[in-house]
Amino acid sequence: MKHLLLPLLLISSVACAAEPEVIPLQVRENLRIVYQVTDDVAHDGVNKGLFYARKLINTYDKQGIAACQVHLHLVYHGTGIAAVVNDAARKRLGVDMPNPNADILAELIRRGVQIELCENTMQQKGVKPAELMPGVKLVVGAFPRLVDLQLQGFAYIKFE
């Protein structure tokens, strides 16, 4: 009996040391995601929400999921406004460095991502529509928009 236990123990220890199985994606079409971005925190030189939006889109792409199947909205409000406005508006908002997000914004918009800004935040901060980065859309309010999208079945992720 001892002779049988040793090989079984060796097999089970090897099995435990093996790489874990990667769980495949189950949903591969009509993916609905909304990011709430409340601050202009940088990650790898660009706004954190934009960075992770590109990472998400790239991950789906690597999994063979077409961009047309990914419906991603980024809803900006609060101090997050600085990520989606031009340099003159950023300066008035107290951000001295130029907007580093132009390229990633253009890329994400080209790939079908909706970049949205709360109109209330824009008005409160004294930003004019002409000061928005190209392709940024206005929504009547961040919270009503987030509620609307969640009621439509969008998965919600918050960035601060």
C-alpha atoms as a PDB file:
ATOM      1  CA  MET A   1       0.000   0.000   0.000  1.00  0.00           C
ATOM      2  CA  LYS A   2       2.874   2.371   0.792  1.00  0.00           C
ATOM      3  CA  HIS A   3       4.222   1.772  -2.699  1.00  0.00           C
ATOM      4  CA  LEU A   4       0.964   3.045  -4.204  1.00  0.00           C
ATOM      5  CA  LEU A   5       0.702   6.174  -2.047  1.00  0.00           C
ATOM      6  CA  LEU A   6       4.074   7.640  -2.978  1.00  0.00           C
ATOM      7  CA  PRO A   7       3.349   7.860  -6.746  1.00  0.00           C
ATOM      8  CA  LEU A   8      -0.094   9.318  -6.020  1.00  0.00           C
ATOM      9  CA  LEU A   9       1.403  11.976  -3.745  1.00  0.00           C
ATOM     10  CA  LEU A  10       3.992  12.866  -6.397  1.00  0.00           C
ATOM     11  CA  ILE A  11       1.313  13.165  -9.089  1.00  0.00           C
ATOM     12  CA  SER A  12      -0.901  15.357  -6.906  1.00  0.00           C
ATOM     13  CA  SER A  13       2.004  17.652  -5.960  1.00  0.00           C
ATOM     14  CA  VAL A  14       2.951  18.070  -9.632  1.00  0.00           C
ATOM     15  CA  ALA A  15      -0.667  18.842 -10.494  1.00  0.00           C
ATOM     16  CA  CYS A  16      -0.770  21.519  -7.796  1.00  0.00           C
ATOM     17  CA  ALA A  17       2.430  23.120  -9.103  1.00  0.00           C
ATOM     18  CA  ALA A  18       1.088  23.386 -12.675  1.00  0.00           C
ATOM     19  CA  GLU A  19      -0.048  26.728 -14.092  1.00  0.00           C
ATOM     20  CA  PRO A  20      -3.663  27.538 -13.262  1.00  0.00           C
ATOM     21  CA  GLU A  21      -6.178  27.334 -16.060  1.00  0.00           C
ATOM     22  CA  VAL A  22      -7.207  30.690 -17.504  1.00  0.00           C
ATOM     23  CA  ILE A  23     -10.980  31.090 -17.361  1.00  0.00           C
ATOM     24  CA  PRO A  24     -12.222  31.978 -20.855  1.00  0.00           C
ATOM     25  CA  LEU A  25     -14.625  34.832 -21.515  1.00  0.00           C
ATOM     26  CA  GLN A  26     -18.217  33.662 -21.626  1.00  0.00           C
ATOM     27  CA  VAL A  27     -19.823  36.772 -23.124  1.00  0.00           C
ATOM     28  CA  ARG A  28     -18.364  37.584 -26.526  1.00  0.00           C
ATOM     29  CA  GLU A  29     -20.965  39.865 -28.084  1.00  0.00           C
ATOM     30  CA  ASN A  30     -22.987  42.935 -27.179  1.00  0.00           C
ATOM     31  CA  LEU A  31     -20.640  43.784 -24.302  1.00  0.00           C
ATOM     32  CA  ARG A  32     -21.853  46.882 -22.462  1.00  0.00           C
ATOM     33  CA  ILE A  33     -19.508  48.704 -20.104  1.00  0.00           C
ATOM     34  CA  VAL A  34     -19.574  52.173 -18.565  1.00  0.00           C
ATOM     35  CA  TYR A  35     -16.695  53.799 -16.698  1.00  0.00           C
ATOM     36  CA  GLN A  36     -17.396  56.649 -14.280  1.00  0.00           C
ATOM     37  CA  VAL A  37     -14.301  58.886 -14.215  1.00  0.00           C
ATOM     38  CA  THR A  38     -14.309  61.480 -11.449  1.00  0.00           C
ATOM     39  CA  ASP A  39     -10.699  62.649 -11.439  1.00  0.00           C
ATOM     40  CA  ASP A  40      -7.818  63.345 -13.804  1.00  0.00           C
ATOM     41  CA  VAL A  41      -5.448  60.818 -12.241  1.00  0.00           C
ATOM     42  CA  ALA A  42      -2.624  59.791 -14.587  1.00  0.00           C
ATOM     43  CA  HIS A  43      -1.499  56.247 -15.259  1.00  0.00           C
ATOM     44  CA  ASP A  44       1.411  55.637 -17.593  1.00  0.00           C
ATOM     45  CA  GLY A  45       1.282  59.243 -18.795  1.00  0.00           C
ATOM     46  CA  VAL A  46      -2.433  59.453 -19.638  1.00  0.00           C
ATOM     47  CA  ASN A  47      -5.727  59.618 -17.777  1.00  0.00           C
ATOM     48  CA  LYS A  48      -6.327  56.409 -15.821  1.00  0.00           C
ATOM     49  CA  GLY A  49      -9.810  55.854 -17.254  1.00  0.00           C
ATOM     50  CA  LEU A  50      -8.508  56.213 -20.807  1.00  0.00           C
ATOM     51  CA  PHE A  51      -5.554  53.928 -20.090  1.00  0.00           C
ATOM     52  CA  TYR A  52      -7.800  51.148 -18.813  1.00  0.00           C
ATOM     53  CA  ALA A  53     -10.351  51.677 -21.578  1.00  0.00           C
ATOM     54  CA  ARG A  54      -7.625  51.017 -24.163  1.00  0.00           C
ATOM     55  CA  LYS A  55      -6.420  48.021 -22.168  1.00  0.00           C
ATOM     56  CA  LEU A  56      -9.955  46.586 -22.064  1.00  0.00           C
ATOM     57  CA  ILE A  57     -10.499  47.088 -25.800  1.00  0.00           C
ATOM     58  CA  ASN A  58      -7.099  45.507 -26.537  1.00  0.00           C
ATOM     59  CA  THR A  59      -7.881  42.513 -24.310  1.00  0.00           C
ATOM     60  CA  TYR A  60     -11.154  41.886 -26.102  1.00  0.00           C
ATOM     61  CA  ASP A  61      -9.377  42.284 -29.446  1.00  0.00           C
ATOM     62  CA  LYS A  62      -6.755  39.675 -28.458  1.00  0.00           C
ATOM     63  CA  GLN A  63      -9.612  37.329 -27.563  1.00  0.00           C
ATOM     64  CA  GLY A  64     -11.016  37.698 -31.080  1.00  0.00           C
ATOM     65  CA  ILE A  65     -13.939  39.886 -30.033  1.00  0.00           C
ATOM     66  CA  ALA A  66     -14.727  42.510 -32.672  1.00  0.00           C
ATOM     67  CA  ALA A  67     -14.694  46.153 -31.612  1.00  0.00           C
ATOM     68  CA  CYS A  68     -18.280  46.486 -32.853  1.00  0.00           C
ATOM     69  CA  GLN A  69     -19.327  44.063 -30.090  1.00  0.00           C
ATOM     70  CA  VAL A  70     -17.857  46.272 -27.340  1.00  0.00           C
ATOM     71  CA  HIS A  71     -20.031  49.224 -26.306  1.00  0.00           C
ATOM     72  CA  LEU A  72     -17.858  51.230 -23.933  1.00  0.00           C
ATOM     73  CA  HIS A  73     -18.790  54.629 -22.494  1.00  0.00           C
ATOM     74  CA  LEU A  74     -16.572  56.792 -20.289  1.00  0.00           C
ATOM     75  CA  VAL A  75     -18.607  59.347 -18.349  1.00  0.00           C
ATOM     76  CA  TYR A  76     -16.436  62.182 -17.000  1.00  0.00           C
ATOM     77  CA  HIS A  77     -17.407  64.640 -14.285  1.00  0.00           C
ATOM     78  CA  GLY A  78     -15.894  66.465 -11.319  1.00  0.00           C
ATOM     79  CA  THR A  79     -12.183  67.146 -11.666  1.00  0.00           C
ATOM     80  CA  GLY A  80     -12.077  64.476 -14.368  1.00  0.00           C
ATOM     81  CA  ILE A  81     -13.084  67.254 -16.753  1.00  0.00           C
ATOM     82  CA  ALA A  82      -9.402  68.216 -17.105  1.00  0.00           C
ATOM     83  CA  ALA A  83      -8.779  64.979 -19.026  1.00  0.00           C
ATOM     84  CA  VAL A  84     -11.127  65.901 -21.864  1.00  0.00           C
ATOM     85  CA  VAL A  85     -10.595  69.639 -22.435  1.00  0.00           C
ATOM     86  CA  ASN A  86      -8.006  71.653 -24.350  1.00  0.00           C
ATOM     87  CA  ASP A  87      -4.896  73.236 -22.857  1.00  0.00           C
ATOM     88  CA  ALA A  88      -6.458  76.690 -22.333  1.00  0.00           C
ATOM     89  CA  ALA A  89      -9.336  75.210 -20.316  1.00  0.00           C
ATOM     90  CA  ARG A  90      -6.931  73.018 -18.328  1.00  0.00           C
ATOM     91  CA  LYS A  91      -4.915  76.080 -17.399  1.00  0.00           C
ATOM     92  CA  ARG A  92      -8.057  77.864 -16.137  1.00  0.00           C
ATOM     93  CA  LEU A  93      -8.889  74.701 -14.174  1.00  0.00           C
ATOM     94  CA  GLY A  94      -5.506  74.921 -12.451  1.00  0.00           C
ATOM     95  CA  VAL A  95      -3.683  72.247 -14.451  1.00  0.00           C
ATOM     96  CA  ASP A  96      -0.458  73.729 -15.809  1.00  0.00           C
ATOM     97  CA  MET A  97       0.674  70.893 -18.073  1.00  0.00           C
ATOM     98  CA  PRO A  98      -0.734  70.437 -21.588  1.00  0.00           C
ATOM     99  CA  ASN A  99      -3.346  67.734 -22.091  1.00  0.00           C
ATOM    100  CA  PRO A 100      -1.477  64.430 -22.621  1.00  0.00           C
ATOM    101  CA  ASN A 101      -4.649  62.616 -23.696  1.00  0.00           C
ATOM    102  CA  ALA A 102      -5.147  63.829 -27.279  1.00  0.00           C
ATOM    103  CA  ASP A 103      -3.730  60.732 -28.970  1.00  0.00           C
ATOM    104  CA  ILE A 104      -5.423  58.151 -26.755  1.00  0.00           C
ATOM    105  CA  LEU A 105      -8.742  60.030 -26.934  1.00  0.00           C
ATOM    106  CA  ALA A 106      -8.583  60.055 -30.739  1.00  0.00           C
ATOM    107  CA  GLU A 107      -7.631  56.364 -30.808  1.00  0.00           C
ATOM    108  CA  LEU A 108     -10.454  55.295 -28.495  1.00  0.00           C
ATOM    109  CA  ILE A 109     -13.044  57.378 -30.326  1.00  0.00           C
ATOM    110  CA  ARG A 110     -11.853  55.894 -33.632  1.00  0.00           C
ATOM    111  CA  ARG A 111     -12.296  52.440 -32.089  1.00  0.00           C
ATOM    112  CA  GLY A 112     -15.908  53.228 -31.126  1.00  0.00           C
ATOM    113  CA  VAL A 113     -15.564  54.270 -27.480  1.00  0.00           C
ATOM    114  CA  GLN A 114     -17.965  57.017 -26.357  1.00  0.00           C
ATOM    115  CA  ILE A 115     -16.236  59.750 -24.337  1.00  0.00           C
ATOM    116  CA  GLU A 116     -18.875  61.764 -22.492  1.00  0.00           C
ATOM    117  CA  LEU A 117     -18.737  64.792 -20.212  1.00  0.00           C
ATOM    118  CA  CYS A 118     -21.318  65.965 -17.705  1.00  0.00           C
ATOM    119  CA  GLU A 119     -22.812  69.227 -18.945  1.00  0.00           C
ATOM    120  CA  ASN A 120     -23.403  70.355 -15.340  1.00  0.00           C
ATOM    121  CA  THR A 121     -19.712  69.939 -14.527  1.00  0.00           C
ATOM    122  CA  MET A 122     -18.777  71.826 -17.671  1.00  0.00           C
ATOM    123  CA  GLN A 123     -21.031  74.745 -16.732  1.00  0.00           C
ATOM    124  CA  GLN A 124     -19.899  74.770 -13.083  1.00  0.00           C
ATOM    125  CA  LYS A 125     -16.248  74.884 -14.160  1.00  0.00           C
ATOM    126  CA  GLY A 126     -16.857  77.588 -16.777  1.00  0.00           C
ATOM    127  CA  VAL A 127     -15.774  75.431 -19.713  1.00  0.00           C
ATOM    128  CA  LYS A 128     -17.228  76.166 -23.147  1.00  0.00           C
ATOM    129  CA  PRO A 129     -18.196  73.424 -25.639  1.00  0.00           C
ATOM    130  CA  ALA A 130     -15.490  74.682 -28.032  1.00  0.00           C
ATOM    131  CA  GLU A 131     -12.882  73.806 -25.377  1.00  0.00           C
ATOM    132  CA  LEU A 132     -13.679  70.090 -25.396  1.00  0.00           C
ATOM    133  CA  MET A 133     -11.239  67.715 -27.049  1.00  0.00           C
ATOM    134  CA  PRO A 134     -12.450  66.519 -30.476  1.00  0.00           C
ATOM    135  CA  GLY A 135     -15.098  63.811 -30.272  1.00  0.00           C
ATOM    136  CA  VAL A 136     -16.114  64.379 -26.633  1.00  0.00           C
ATOM    137  CA  LYS A 137     -19.906  64.361 -26.252  1.00  0.00           C
ATOM    138  CA  LEU A 138     -22.027  66.107 -23.650  1.00  0.00           C
ATOM    139  CA  VAL A 139     -24.571  64.394 -21.410  1.00  0.00           C
ATOM    140  CA  VAL A 140     -27.203  66.234 -19.366  1.00  0.00           C
ATOM    141  CA  GLY A 141     -25.719  64.969 -16.117  1.00  0.00           C
ATOM    142  CA  ALA A 142     -23.214  62.308 -15.108  1.00  0.00           C
ATOM    143  CA  PHE A 143     -25.465  60.580 -12.586  1.00  0.00           C
ATOM    144  CA  PRO A 144     -28.587  60.445 -14.779  1.00  0.00           C
ATOM    145  CA  ARG A 145     -26.396  59.108 -17.608  1.00  0.00           C
ATOM    146  CA  LEU A 146     -24.851  56.439 -15.377  1.00  0.00           C
ATOM    147  CA  VAL A 147     -28.302  55.389 -14.162  1.00  0.00           C
ATOM    148  CA  ASP A 148     -29.612  55.314 -17.729  1.00  0.00           C
ATOM    149  CA  LEU A 149     -26.754  53.133 -18.963  1.00  0.00           C
ATOM    150  CA  GLN A 150     -26.946  50.761 -15.993  1.00  0.00           C
ATOM    151  CA  LEU A 151     -30.693  50.334 -16.536  1.00  0.00           C
ATOM    152  CA  GLN A 152     -29.827  49.399 -20.136  1.00  0.00           C
ATOM    153  CA  GLY A 153     -27.629  46.598 -18.798  1.00  0.00           C
ATOM    154  CA  PHE A 154     -24.197  48.237 -18.843  1.00  0.00           C
ATOM    155  CA  ALA A 155     -21.592  46.903 -16.390  1.00  0.00           C
ATOM    156  CA  TYR A 156     -20.410  49.749 -14.147  1.00  0.00           C
ATOM    157  CA  ILE A 157     -16.768  50.505 -13.240  1.00  0.00           C
ATOM    158  CA  LYS A 158     -15.716  53.581 -11.244  1.00  0.00           C
ATOM    159  CA  PHE A 159     -12.365  55.308 -11.583  1.00  0.00           C
ATOM    160  CA  GLU A 160     -11.171  57.855  -9.057  1.00  0.00           C
END
